[in-house]
Amino acid sequence: MTQTVVTSPTILLTGFTSGIGARMLEELLGHPSRPSLVLLARDAAGLENTLERVRAAGLVATGARGDLGDLGSVRAALE
């Protein structure tokens, strides 16, 4: 098994308002590598609330609105 040491990752996270995505967000907030987060969400209010929470925890975070089920929406989020 290969082990890679990541000291300052950037992570793209979707689905962070519930379920597995919400649990992943909790883990990332306390992770010792202090990752930068790029958050992609359909819901503007949920995105803004989460960005505030992540930044209050001392992490760098950027957010974009987009729906993974809509390729045009994903393209717009990337721009």
PDB file of N, CA and C in Angstrom:
ATOM      1  N   MET A   1       0.840  -1.176   0.000  1.00  0.00           N
ATOM      2  CA  MET A   1       0.000   0.000   0.000  1.00  0.00           C
ATOM      3  C   MET A   1       0.886   1.241   0.000  1.00  0.00           C
ATOM      4  N   THR A   2       0.528   2.206  -0.813  1.00  0.00           N
ATOM      5  CA  THR A   2       1.265   3.460  -0.883  1.00  0.00           C
ATOM      6  C   THR A   2       0.622   4.465   0.062  1.00  0.00           C
ATOM      7  N   GLN A   3       1.431   5.146   0.822  1.00  0.00           N
ATOM      8  CA  GLN A   3       0.922   6.172   1.722  1.00  0.00           C
ATOM      9  C   GLN A   3       1.384   7.529   1.220  1.00  0.00           C
ATOM     10  N   THR A   4       0.445   8.453   1.090  1.00  0.00           N
ATOM     11  CA  THR A   4       0.758   9.792   0.619  1.00  0.00           C
ATOM     12  C   THR A   4       0.482  10.778   1.735  1.00  0.00           C
ATOM     13  N   VAL A   5       1.409  11.661   1.979  1.00  0.00           N
ATOM     14  CA  VAL A   5       1.227  12.692   2.993  1.00  0.00           C
ATOM     15  C   VAL A   5       0.723  13.947   2.298  1.00  0.00           C
ATOM     16  N   VAL A   6      -0.448  14.379   2.679  1.00  0.00           N
ATOM     17  CA  VAL A   6      -1.029  15.589   2.125  1.00  0.00           C
ATOM     18  C   VAL A   6      -1.035  16.628   3.234  1.00  0.00           C
ATOM     19  N   THR A   7      -0.333  17.729   3.004  1.00  0.00           N
ATOM     20  CA  THR A   7      -0.226  18.730   4.068  1.00  0.00           C
ATOM     21  C   THR A   7      -1.207  19.877   3.917  1.00  0.00           C
ATOM     22  N   SER A   8      -1.633  20.181   2.708  1.00  0.00           N
ATOM     23  CA  SER A   8      -2.550  21.289   2.522  1.00  0.00           C
ATOM     24  C   SER A   8      -3.449  21.026   1.316  1.00  0.00           C
ATOM     25  N   PRO A   9      -4.388  20.104   1.457  1.00  0.00           N
ATOM     26  CA  PRO A   9      -5.219  19.745   0.315  1.00  0.00           C
ATOM     27  C   PRO A   9      -6.326  20.763   0.043  1.00  0.00           C
ATOM     28  N   THR A  10      -6.826  20.725  -1.178  1.00  0.00           N
ATOM     29  CA  THR A  10      -8.052  21.430  -1.533  1.00  0.00           C
ATOM     30  C   THR A  10      -9.061  20.361  -1.902  1.00  0.00           C
ATOM     31  N   ILE A  11     -10.242  20.455  -1.302  1.00  0.00           N
ATOM     32  CA  ILE A  11     -11.250  19.415  -1.474  1.00  0.00           C
ATOM     33  C   ILE A  11     -12.526  20.031  -2.021  1.00  0.00           C
ATOM     34  N   LEU A  12     -13.076  19.397  -3.066  1.00  0.00           N
ATOM     35  CA  LEU A  12     -14.374  19.769  -3.609  1.00  0.00           C
ATOM     36  C   LEU A  12     -15.407  18.892  -2.931  1.00  0.00           C
ATOM     37  N   LEU A  13     -16.390  19.522  -2.303  1.00  0.00           N
ATOM     38  CA  LEU A  13     -17.396  18.774  -1.558  1.00  0.00           C
ATOM     39  C   LEU A  13     -18.787  19.158  -2.037  1.00  0.00           C
ATOM     40  N   THR A  14     -19.592  18.154  -2.325  1.00  0.00           N
ATOM     41  CA  THR A  14     -20.984  18.351  -2.693  1.00  0.00           C
ATOM     42  C   THR A  14     -21.849  17.590  -1.685  1.00  0.00           C
ATOM     43  N   GLY A  15     -23.124  17.924  -1.633  1.00  0.00           N
ATOM     44  CA  GLY A  15     -24.036  17.188  -0.764  1.00  0.00           C
ATOM     45  C   GLY A  15     -23.758  17.340   0.713  1.00  0.00           C
ATOM     46  N   PHE A  16     -23.221  18.471   1.112  1.00  0.00           N
ATOM     47  CA  PHE A  16     -22.765  18.662   2.494  1.00  0.00           C
ATOM     48  C   PHE A  16     -23.867  19.104   3.462  1.00  0.00           C
ATOM     49  N   THR A  17     -25.099  19.223   2.997  1.00  0.00           N
ATOM     50  CA  THR A  17     -26.177  19.661   3.898  1.00  0.00           C
ATOM     51  C   THR A  17     -26.886  18.495   4.575  1.00  0.00           C
ATOM     52  N   SER A  18     -26.621  17.264   4.123  1.00  0.00           N
ATOM     53  CA  SER A  18     -27.260  16.116   4.770  1.00  0.00           C
ATOM     54  C   SER A  18     -26.482  14.838   4.458  1.00  0.00           C
ATOM     55  N   GLY A  19     -26.801  13.803   5.187  1.00  0.00           N
ATOM     56  CA  GLY A  19     -26.265  12.470   4.920  1.00  0.00           C
ATOM     57  C   GLY A  19     -24.754  12.359   4.980  1.00  0.00           C
ATOM     58  N   ILE A  20     -24.225  11.597   4.032  1.00  0.00           N
ATOM     59  CA  ILE A  20     -22.788  11.322   3.988  1.00  0.00           C
ATOM     60  C   ILE A  20     -21.984  12.603   3.796  1.00  0.00           C
ATOM     61  N   GLY A  21     -22.479  13.511   2.956  1.00  0.00           N
ATOM     62  CA  GLY A  21     -21.772  14.774   2.722  1.00  0.00           C
ATOM     63  C   GLY A  21     -21.658  15.606   3.982  1.00  0.00           C
ATOM     64  N   ALA A  22     -22.725  15.638   4.795  1.00  0.00           N
ATOM     65  CA  ALA A  22     -22.693  16.382   6.054  1.00  0.00           C
ATOM     66  C   ALA A  22     -21.690  15.766   7.026  1.00  0.00           C
ATOM     67  N   ARG A  23     -21.633  14.445   7.046  1.00  0.00           N
ATOM     68  CA  ARG A  23     -20.672  13.760   7.923  1.00  0.00           C
ATOM     69  C   ARG A  23     -19.240  14.026   7.449  1.00  0.00           C
ATOM     70  N   MET A  24     -19.052  14.033   6.137  1.00  0.00           N
ATOM     71  CA  MET A  24     -17.717  14.324   5.591  1.00  0.00           C
ATOM     72  C   MET A  24     -17.296  15.738   5.967  1.00  0.00           C
ATOM     73  N   LEU A  25     -18.230  16.685   5.885  1.00  0.00           N
ATOM     74  CA  LEU A  25     -17.924  18.063   6.270  1.00  0.00           C
ATOM     75  C   LEU A  25     -17.471  18.125   7.718  1.00  0.00           C
ATOM     76  N   GLU A  26     -18.151  17.416   8.603  1.00  0.00           N
ATOM     77  CA  GLU A  26     -17.770  17.399  10.016  1.00  0.00           C
ATOM     78  C   GLU A  26     -16.341  16.893  10.195  1.00  0.00           C
ATOM     79  N   GLU A  27     -16.000  15.844   9.477  1.00  0.00           N
ATOM     80  CA  GLU A  27     -14.642  15.293   9.560  1.00  0.00           C
ATOM     81  C   GLU A  27     -13.608  16.293   9.044  1.00  0.00           C
ATOM     82  N   LEU A  28     -13.942  16.968   7.956  1.00  0.00           N
ATOM     83  CA  LEU A  28     -12.999  17.926   7.367  1.00  0.00           C
ATOM     84  C   LEU A  28     -12.783  19.140   8.262  1.00  0.00           C
ATOM     85  N   LEU A  29     -13.832  19.557   8.970  1.00  0.00           N
ATOM     86  CA  LEU A  29     -13.696  20.722   9.859  1.00  0.00           C
ATOM     87  C   LEU A  29     -12.666  20.482  10.953  1.00  0.00           C
ATOM     88  N   GLY A  30     -12.529  19.240  11.366  1.00  0.00           N
ATOM     89  CA  GLY A  30     -11.577  18.931  12.426  1.00  0.00           C
ATOM     90  C   GLY A  30     -10.311  18.234  11.959  1.00  0.00           C
ATOM     91  N   HIS A  31     -10.160  18.089  10.655  1.00  0.00           N
ATOM     92  CA  HIS A  31      -9.004  17.348  10.133  1.00  0.00           C
ATOM     93  C   HIS A  31      -7.711  18.136  10.360  1.00  0.00           C
ATOM     94  N   PRO A  32      -6.649  17.474  10.791  1.00  0.00           N
ATOM     95  CA  PRO A  32      -5.399  18.181  11.080  1.00  0.00           C
ATOM     96  C   PRO A  32      -4.727  18.821   9.867  1.00  0.00           C
ATOM     97  N   SER A  33      -5.064  18.410   8.649  1.00  0.00           N
ATOM     98  CA  SER A  33      -4.435  19.009   7.468  1.00  0.00           C
ATOM     99  C   SER A  33      -5.018  20.383   7.147  1.00  0.00           C
ATOM    100  N   ARG A  34      -6.128  20.758   7.812  1.00  0.00           N
ATOM    101  CA  ARG A  34      -6.766  22.068   7.618  1.00  0.00           C
ATOM    102  C   ARG A  34      -6.990  22.347   6.124  1.00  0.00           C
ATOM    103  N   PRO A  35      -7.784  21.508   5.449  1.00  0.00           N
ATOM    104  CA  PRO A  35      -7.946  21.650   4.005  1.00  0.00           C
ATOM    105  C   PRO A  35      -8.710  22.913   3.608  1.00  0.00           C
ATOM    106  N   SER A  36      -8.430  23.388   2.409  1.00  0.00           N
ATOM    107  CA  SER A  36      -9.258  24.421   1.798  1.00  0.00           C
ATOM    108  C   SER A  36     -10.430  23.694   1.162  1.00  0.00           C
ATOM    109  N   LEU A  37     -11.630  24.271   1.276  1.00  0.00           N
ATOM    110  CA  LEU A  37     -12.816  23.613   0.740  1.00  0.00           C
ATOM    111  C   LEU A  37     -13.421  24.415  -0.397  1.00  0.00           C
ATOM    112  N   VAL A  38     -13.835  23.702  -1.425  1.00  0.00           N
ATOM    113  CA  VAL A  38     -14.638  24.261  -2.504  1.00  0.00           C
ATOM    114  C   VAL A  38     -15.981  23.558  -2.383  1.00  0.00           C
ATOM    115  N   LEU A  39     -17.015  24.329  -2.084  1.00  0.00           N
ATOM    116  CA  LEU A  39     -18.336  23.764  -1.848  1.00  0.00           C
ATOM    117  C   LEU A  39     -19.244  24.035  -3.041  1.00  0.00           C
ATOM    118  N   LEU A  40     -19.931  22.999  -3.515  1.00  0.00           N
ATOM    119  CA  LEU A  40     -20.859  23.121  -4.627  1.00  0.00           C
ATOM    120  C   LEU A  40     -22.234  22.699  -4.121  1.00  0.00           C
ATOM    121  N   ALA A  41     -23.225  23.586  -4.271  1.00  0.00           N
ATOM    122  CA  ALA A  41     -24.561  23.294  -3.752  1.00  0.00           C
ATOM    123  C   ALA A  41     -25.646  23.854  -4.652  1.00  0.00           C
ATOM    124  N   ARG A  42     -26.809  23.226  -4.596  1.00  0.00           N
ATOM    125  CA  ARG A  42     -27.971  23.733  -5.330  1.00  0.00           C
ATOM    126  C   ARG A  42     -28.643  24.861  -4.559  1.00  0.00           C
ATOM    127  N   ASP A  43     -28.646  24.761  -3.247  1.00  0.00           N
ATOM    128  CA  ASP A  43     -29.372  25.689  -2.381  1.00  0.00           C
ATOM    129  C   ASP A  43     -28.473  26.846  -1.948  1.00  0.00           C
ATOM    130  N   ALA A  44     -28.833  28.067  -2.357  1.00  0.00           N
ATOM    131  CA  ALA A  44     -28.012  29.245  -2.041  1.00  0.00           C
ATOM    132  C   ALA A  44     -27.925  29.497  -0.547  1.00  0.00           C
ATOM    133  N   ALA A  45     -29.030  29.376   0.166  1.00  0.00           N
ATOM    134  CA  ALA A  45     -29.030  29.642   1.611  1.00  0.00           C
ATOM    135  C   ALA A  45     -28.177  28.610   2.351  1.00  0.00           C
ATOM    136  N   GLY A  46     -28.324  27.346   1.982  1.00  0.00           N
ATOM    137  CA  GLY A  46     -27.509  26.299   2.608  1.00  0.00           C
ATOM    138  C   GLY A  46     -26.036  26.489   2.335  1.00  0.00           C
ATOM    139  N   LEU A  47     -25.725  26.930   1.127  1.00  0.00           N
ATOM    140  CA  LEU A  47     -24.332  27.194   0.764  1.00  0.00           C
ATOM    141  C   LEU A  47     -23.765  28.325   1.609  1.00  0.00           C
ATOM    142  N   GLU A  48     -24.478  29.427   1.697  1.00  0.00           N
ATOM    143  CA  GLU A  48     -23.986  30.573   2.473  1.00  0.00           C
ATOM    144  C   GLU A  48     -23.827  30.229   3.949  1.00  0.00           C
ATOM    145  N   ASN A  49     -24.792  29.510   4.511  1.00  0.00           N
ATOM    146  CA  ASN A  49     -24.701  29.109   5.927  1.00  0.00           C
ATOM    147  C   ASN A  49     -23.484  28.222   6.167  1.00  0.00           C
ATOM    148  N   THR A  50     -23.249  27.312   5.256  1.00  0.00           N
ATOM    149  CA  THR A  50     -22.116  26.404   5.415  1.00  0.00           C
ATOM    150  C   THR A  50     -20.797  27.136   5.226  1.00  0.00           C
ATOM    151  N   LEU A  51     -20.734  28.047   4.268  1.00  0.00           N
ATOM    152  CA  LEU A  51     -19.512  28.837   4.090  1.00  0.00           C
ATOM    153  C   LEU A  51     -19.175  29.607   5.366  1.00  0.00           C
ATOM    154  N   GLU A  52     -20.174  30.216   5.974  1.00  0.00           N
ATOM    155  CA  GLU A  52     -19.946  30.949   7.230  1.00  0.00           C
ATOM    156  C   GLU A  52     -19.417  30.019   8.306  1.00  0.00           C
ATOM    157  N   ARG A  53     -20.013  28.840   8.413  1.00  0.00           N
ATOM    158  CA  ARG A  53     -19.607  27.869   9.436  1.00  0.00           C
ATOM    159  C   ARG A  53     -18.172  27.390   9.212  1.00  0.00           C
ATOM    160  N   VAL A  54     -17.836  27.086   7.973  1.00  0.00           N
ATOM    161  CA  VAL A  54     -16.494  26.603   7.650  1.00  0.00           C
ATOM    162  C   VAL A  54     -15.457  27.688   7.934  1.00  0.00           C
ATOM    163  N   ARG A  55     -15.753  28.901   7.526  1.00  0.00           N
ATOM    164  CA  ARG A  55     -14.824  30.014   7.761  1.00  0.00           C
ATOM    165  C   ARG A  55     -14.680  30.312   9.244  1.00  0.00           C
ATOM    166  N   ALA A  56     -15.772  30.183  10.004  1.00  0.00           N
ATOM    167  CA  ALA A  56     -15.711  30.391  11.454  1.00  0.00           C
ATOM    168  C   ALA A  56     -14.821  29.343  12.118  1.00  0.00           C
ATOM    169  N   ALA A  57     -14.713  28.178  11.487  1.00  0.00           N
ATOM    170  CA  ALA A  57     -13.841  27.118  12.005  1.00  0.00           C
ATOM    171  C   ALA A  57     -12.386  27.350  11.603  1.00  0.00           C
ATOM    172  N   GLY A  58     -12.133  28.425  10.846  1.00  0.00           N
ATOM    173  CA  GLY A  58     -10.771  28.780  10.487  1.00  0.00           C
ATOM    174  C   GLY A  58     -10.264  28.203   9.179  1.00  0.00           C
ATOM    175  N   LEU A  59     -11.151  27.625   8.383  1.00  0.00           N
ATOM    176  CA  LEU A  59     -10.735  27.070   7.101  1.00  0.00           C
ATOM    177  C   LEU A  59     -11.013  28.057   5.974  1.00  0.00           C
ATOM    178  N   VAL A  60     -10.263  27.929   4.914  1.00  0.00           N
ATOM    179  CA  VAL A  60     -10.495  28.710   3.702  1.00  0.00           C
ATOM    180  C   VAL A  60     -11.586  27.984   2.915  1.00  0.00           C
ATOM    181  N   ALA A  61     -12.606  28.718   2.473  1.00  0.00           N
ATOM    182  CA  ALA A  61     -13.703  28.091   1.745  1.00  0.00           C
ATOM    183  C   ALA A  61     -14.190  28.991   0.626  1.00  0.00           C
ATOM    184  N   THR A  62     -14.515  28.360  -0.491  1.00  0.00           N
ATOM    185  CA  THR A  62     -15.110  29.019  -1.643  1.00  0.00           C
ATOM    186  C   THR A  62     -16.355  28.229  -1.998  1.00  0.00           C
ATOM    187  N   GLY A  63     -17.385  28.939  -2.460  1.00  0.00           N
ATOM    188  CA  GLY A  63     -18.609  28.243  -2.801  1.00  0.00           C
ATOM    189  C   GLY A  63     -19.128  28.631  -4.159  1.00  0.00           C
ATOM    190  N   ALA A  64     -19.867  27.720  -4.765  1.00  0.00           N
ATOM    191  CA  ALA A  64     -20.517  27.976  -6.046  1.00  0.00           C
ATOM    192  C   ALA A  64     -21.845  27.228  -6.056  1.00  0.00           C
ATOM    193  N   ARG A  65     -22.819  27.823  -6.732  1.00  0.00           N
ATOM    194  CA  ARG A  65     -24.104  27.153  -6.894  1.00  0.00           C
ATOM    195  C   ARG A  65     -24.058  26.316  -8.156  1.00  0.00           C
ATOM    196  N   GLY A  66     -24.546  25.101  -8.043  1.00  0.00           N
ATOM    197  CA  GLY A  66     -24.589  24.215  -9.187  1.00  0.00           C
ATOM    198  C   GLY A  66     -25.317  22.932  -8.844  1.00  0.00           C
ATOM    199  N   ASP A  67     -25.810  22.269  -9.871  1.00  0.00           N
ATOM    200  CA  ASP A  67     -26.526  21.008  -9.727  1.00  0.00           C
ATOM    201  C   ASP A  67     -25.802  19.967 -10.565  1.00  0.00           C
ATOM    202  N   LEU A  68     -25.283  18.934  -9.934  1.00  0.00           N
ATOM    203  CA  LEU A  68     -24.522  17.913 -10.650  1.00  0.00           C
ATOM    204  C   LEU A  68     -25.361  17.172 -11.693  1.00  0.00           C
ATOM    205  N   GLY A  69     -26.678  17.252 -11.580  1.00  0.00           N
ATOM    206  CA  GLY A  69     -27.560  16.620 -12.549  1.00  0.00           C
ATOM    207  C   GLY A  69     -27.786  17.460 -13.794  1.00  0.00           C
ATOM    208  N   ASP A  70     -27.216  18.650 -13.822  1.00  0.00           N
ATOM    209  CA  ASP A  70     -27.407  19.585 -14.930  1.00  0.00           C
ATOM    210  C   ASP A  70     -26.035  20.061 -15.398  1.00  0.00           C
ATOM    211  N   LEU A  71     -25.584  19.535 -16.531  1.00  0.00           N
ATOM    212  CA  LEU A  71     -24.241  19.838 -17.021  1.00  0.00           C
ATOM    213  C   LEU A  71     -24.031  21.337 -17.240  1.00  0.00           C
ATOM    214  N   GLY A  72     -25.053  22.043 -17.728  1.00  0.00           N
ATOM    215  CA  GLY A  72     -24.942  23.489 -17.906  1.00  0.00           C
ATOM    216  C   GLY A  72     -24.720  24.195 -16.593  1.00  0.00           C
ATOM    217  N   SER A  73     -25.377  23.727 -15.546  1.00  0.00           N
ATOM    218  CA  SER A  73     -25.208  24.293 -14.217  1.00  0.00           C
ATOM    219  C   SER A  73     -23.794  24.078 -13.700  1.00  0.00           C
ATOM    220  N   VAL A  74     -23.240  22.910 -13.964  1.00  0.00           N
ATOM    221  CA  VAL A  74     -21.872  22.613 -13.542  1.00  0.00           C
ATOM    222  C   VAL A  74     -20.884  23.513 -14.292  1.00  0.00           C
ATOM    223  N   ARG A  75     -21.104  23.675 -15.588  1.00  0.00           N
ATOM    224  CA  ARG A  75     -20.226  24.564 -16.370  1.00  0.00           C
ATOM    225  C   ARG A  75     -20.270  25.997 -15.815  1.00  0.00           C
ATOM    226  N   ALA A  76     -21.475  26.453 -15.503  1.00  0.00           N
ATOM    227  CA  ALA A  76     -21.612  27.811 -14.955  1.00  0.00           C
ATOM    228  C   ALA A  76     -20.893  27.930 -13.611  1.00  0.00           C
ATOM    229  N   ALA A  77     -20.979  26.914 -12.783  1.00  0.00           N
ATOM    230  CA  ALA A  77     -20.303  26.934 -11.481  1.00  0.00           C
ATOM    231  C   ALA A  77     -18.792  26.986 -11.651  1.00  0.00           C
ATOM    232  N   LEU A  78     -18.279  26.278 -12.648  1.00  0.00           N
ATOM    233  CA  LEU A  78     -16.841  26.278 -12.893  1.00  0.00           C
ATOM    234  C   LEU A  78     -16.328  27.633 -13.356  1.00  0.00           C
ATOM    235  N   GLU A  79     -17.163  28.356 -14.055  1.00  0.00           N
ATOM    236  CA  GLU A  79     -16.756  29.683 -14.526  1.00  0.00           C
ATOM    237  C   GLU A  79     -16.701  30.640 -13.366  1.00  0.00           C
TER     238      GLU A  79
END
